[in-house]
C-alpha atoms as a PDB file:
ATOM      1  CA  MET A   1     157.272 112.971 118.509  1.00  0.00           C
ATOM      2  CA  ALA A   2     154.110 110.887 118.793  1.00  0.00           C
ATOM      3  CA  LYS A   3     152.099 110.574 121.994  1.00  0.00           C
ATOM      4  CA  GLU A   4     150.238 107.592 123.435  1.00  0.00           C
ATOM      5  CA  LEU A   5     147.751 106.680 126.125  1.00  0.00           C
ATOM      6  CA  LYS A   6     147.269 103.153 127.412  1.00  0.00           C
ATOM      7  CA  CYS A   7     143.727 102.374 128.523  1.00  0.00           C
ATOM      8  CA  SER A   8     145.156 100.259 131.331  1.00  0.00           C
ATOM      9  CA  ASP A   9     146.855 103.389 132.739  1.00  0.00           C
ATOM     10  CA  VAL A  10     143.433 104.965 133.263  1.00  0.00           C
ATOM     11  CA  GLY A  11     142.046 102.115 135.343  1.00  0.00           C
ATOM     12  CA  MET A  12     140.898  99.562 132.755  1.00  0.00           C
ATOM     13  CA  LYS A  13     143.502  96.993 133.784  1.00  0.00           C
ATOM     14  CA  SER A  14     142.219  94.232 131.482  1.00  0.00           C
ATOM     15  CA  CYS A  15     142.116  96.489 128.383  1.00  0.00           C
ATOM     16  CA  ASN A  16     145.191  96.532 126.145  1.00  0.00           C
ATOM     17  CA  PHE A  17     144.067  99.401 123.858  1.00  0.00           C
ATOM     18  CA  VAL A  18     146.662 102.089 123.141  1.00  0.00           C
ATOM     19  CA  ALA A  19     145.625 105.410 121.580  1.00  0.00           C
ATOM     20  CA  GLN A  20     148.417 107.015 119.576  1.00  0.00           C
ATOM     21  CA  GLY A  21     148.546 110.358 117.825  1.00  0.00           C
ATOM     22  CA  ARG A  22     150.661 113.313 116.798  1.00  0.00           C
ATOM     23  CA  ASP A  23     149.604 115.321 119.847  1.00  0.00           C
ATOM     24  CA  GLU A  24     147.493 115.220 123.005  1.00  0.00           C
ATOM     25  CA  LYS A  25     144.339 116.337 121.189  1.00  0.00           C
ATOM     26  CA  GLU A  26     144.521 113.487 118.660  1.00  0.00           C
ATOM     27  CA  VAL A  27     145.238 110.940 121.403  1.00  0.00           C
ATOM     28  CA  MET A  28     142.282 112.160 123.485  1.00  0.00           C
ATOM     29  CA  THR A  29     139.961 112.031 120.450  1.00  0.00           C
ATOM     30  CA  LYS A  30     140.923 108.417 119.779  1.00  0.00           C
ATOM     31  CA  ALA A  31     140.686 107.521 123.465  1.00  0.00           C
ATOM     32  CA  ALA A  32     137.198 109.041 123.745  1.00  0.00           C
ATOM     33  CA  GLU A  33     136.028 107.072 120.701  1.00  0.00           C
ATOM     34  CA  HIS A  34     137.459 103.889 122.230  1.00  0.00           C
ATOM     35  CA  ALA A  35     135.782 104.632 125.581  1.00  0.00           C
ATOM     36  CA  ARG A  36     132.397 104.964 123.838  1.00  0.00           C
ATOM     37  CA  ASN A  37     132.750 101.884 121.646  1.00  0.00           C
ATOM     38  CA  ALA A  38     134.565  99.462 123.955  1.00  0.00           C
ATOM     39  CA  HIS A  39     133.464 100.573 127.418  1.00  0.00           C
ATOM     40  CA  GLY A  40     130.010 102.065 126.770  1.00  0.00           C
ATOM     41  CA  MET A  41     130.926 105.495 128.125  1.00  0.00           C
ATOM     42  CA  THR A  42     128.556 108.064 126.612  1.00  0.00           C
ATOM     43  CA  ALA A  43     130.501 110.910 128.247  1.00  0.00           C
ATOM     44  CA  ILE A  44     133.941 111.177 129.787  1.00  0.00           C
ATOM     45  CA  PRO A  45     133.681 112.408 133.385  1.00  0.00           C
ATOM     46  CA  PRO A  46     136.039 115.309 134.207  1.00  0.00           C
ATOM     47  CA  ASP A  47     138.038 113.223 136.708  1.00  0.00           C
ATOM     48  CA  VAL A  48     138.632 110.488 134.105  1.00  0.00           C
ATOM     49  CA  GLU A  49     139.641 113.077 131.488  1.00  0.00           C
ATOM     50  CA  LYS A  50     142.119 114.610 133.935  1.00  0.00           C
ATOM     51  CA  LYS A  51     143.564 111.177 134.750  1.00  0.00           C
ATOM     52  CA  ALA A  52     143.813 110.323 131.028  1.00  0.00           C
ATOM     53  CA  ARG A  53     145.577 113.573 130.135  1.00  0.00           C
ATOM     54  CA  ALA A  54     148.076 112.983 132.950  1.00  0.00           C
ATOM     55  CA  ALA A  55     148.763 109.447 131.649  1.00  0.00           C
ATOM     56  CA  ILE A  56     149.684 110.528 128.090  1.00  0.00           C
ATOM     57  CA  ARG A  57     153.332 109.784 127.367  1.00  0.00           C
ATOM     58  CA  GLU A  58     155.778 109.942 124.489  1.00  0.00           C
ATOM     59  CA  ALA A  59     155.033 106.963 122.243  1.00  0.00           C
ATOM     60  CA  GLN A  60     157.400 104.023 122.342  1.00  0.00           C
ATOM     61  CA  VAL A  61     157.957 103.920 118.591  1.00  0.00           C
ATOM     62  CA  LYS A  62     160.314 101.331 117.192  1.00  0.00           C
ATOM     63  CA  PRO A  63     162.616 102.550 114.421  1.00  0.00           C
ATOM     64  CA  PHE A  64     161.296 101.722 110.952  1.00  0.00           C
ATOM     65  CA  THR A  65     163.453 100.991 107.950  1.00  0.00           C
ATOM     66  CA  VAL A  66     162.161 101.551 104.414  1.00  0.00           C
ATOM     67  CA  GLY A  67     161.330  98.180 102.922  1.00  0.00           C
ATOM     68  CA  GLN A  68     160.919  96.571 106.328  1.00  0.00           C
ATOM     69  CA  LYS A  69     157.963  94.200 106.651  1.00  0.00           C
ATOM     70  CA  VAL A  70     155.536  95.158 109.385  1.00  0.00           C
END
């Protein structure tokens, strides 16, 4: 099942970005790219990485039906 990380769960309360991926590694890669581009973080401090990894959850995926408009 897919995983997700909400930026707001890591302390950026006004940010609504959600990184989703097949596993923790993919989620963290997307989250790190977002942190660089949206928040100007050139490196992820170890305490923030630890907090982010702890905040990763199973994605809240809505069921999809073939032919359904998205």
